[in-house]
Amino acid sequence: MGTRGIGKPERQRLIRSLLADHEVRSQEQLLGLLSHEGVATTQATVSRDLDDLGAVKVRGPGGELVYRLASDPGPATARDRLAATVQQFVVRIAASGNLAVLQTPPAGAGPVASAIDLAELPGVLATIAGDDTVVVIAKEQVGGAELADRFRRLAETT
């Protein structure tokens, strides 16, 4: 497979996937995995991406240190990151009744639902994520249309 340059959002989605599928012990190993996927990048870029994604080194099942995405940065930090996550992944937003429906590229729904859950947004009762769709259930007093509008503002979409 030849090498190709890709944009930051696509590269970071790939890094998320690689960290989920592999026991990545070093940035050099991650560079190799990216290269195997046909993505050419530098160690400095990978380092920034890992920082942006909130990756941390934790003790893996075999006792070695491996990269993992931080699972719970706390509500205040999570709310700060929610806008970036929505901007990075959400491509379409709709509403129906007490539901806001967020469309993403394939495999993008998980990170969006997780970001919403971690942000503990007022008015959100629950999220349900598939592969490319997140359904956000609004509390009765809020409604889906209001939630959809909040996500549109976060995504800077119309």
Foldseek 3Di string as FASTA:
>chain_A
DAADEDDLLVVLLVLQVCLVVDQAQDLVVVQVVCVVVRYHDDSVSSVVSCVLQQWDWDQDPVRGTGIDRDQAPAQVVLVVCLLVLLQSFFDDWDFDWQKIKTFGPFQSFVVNQSSCVNNPDPQWDHWDGDGGMIITGGDNVQGGVNVSVVSCVSNVHD
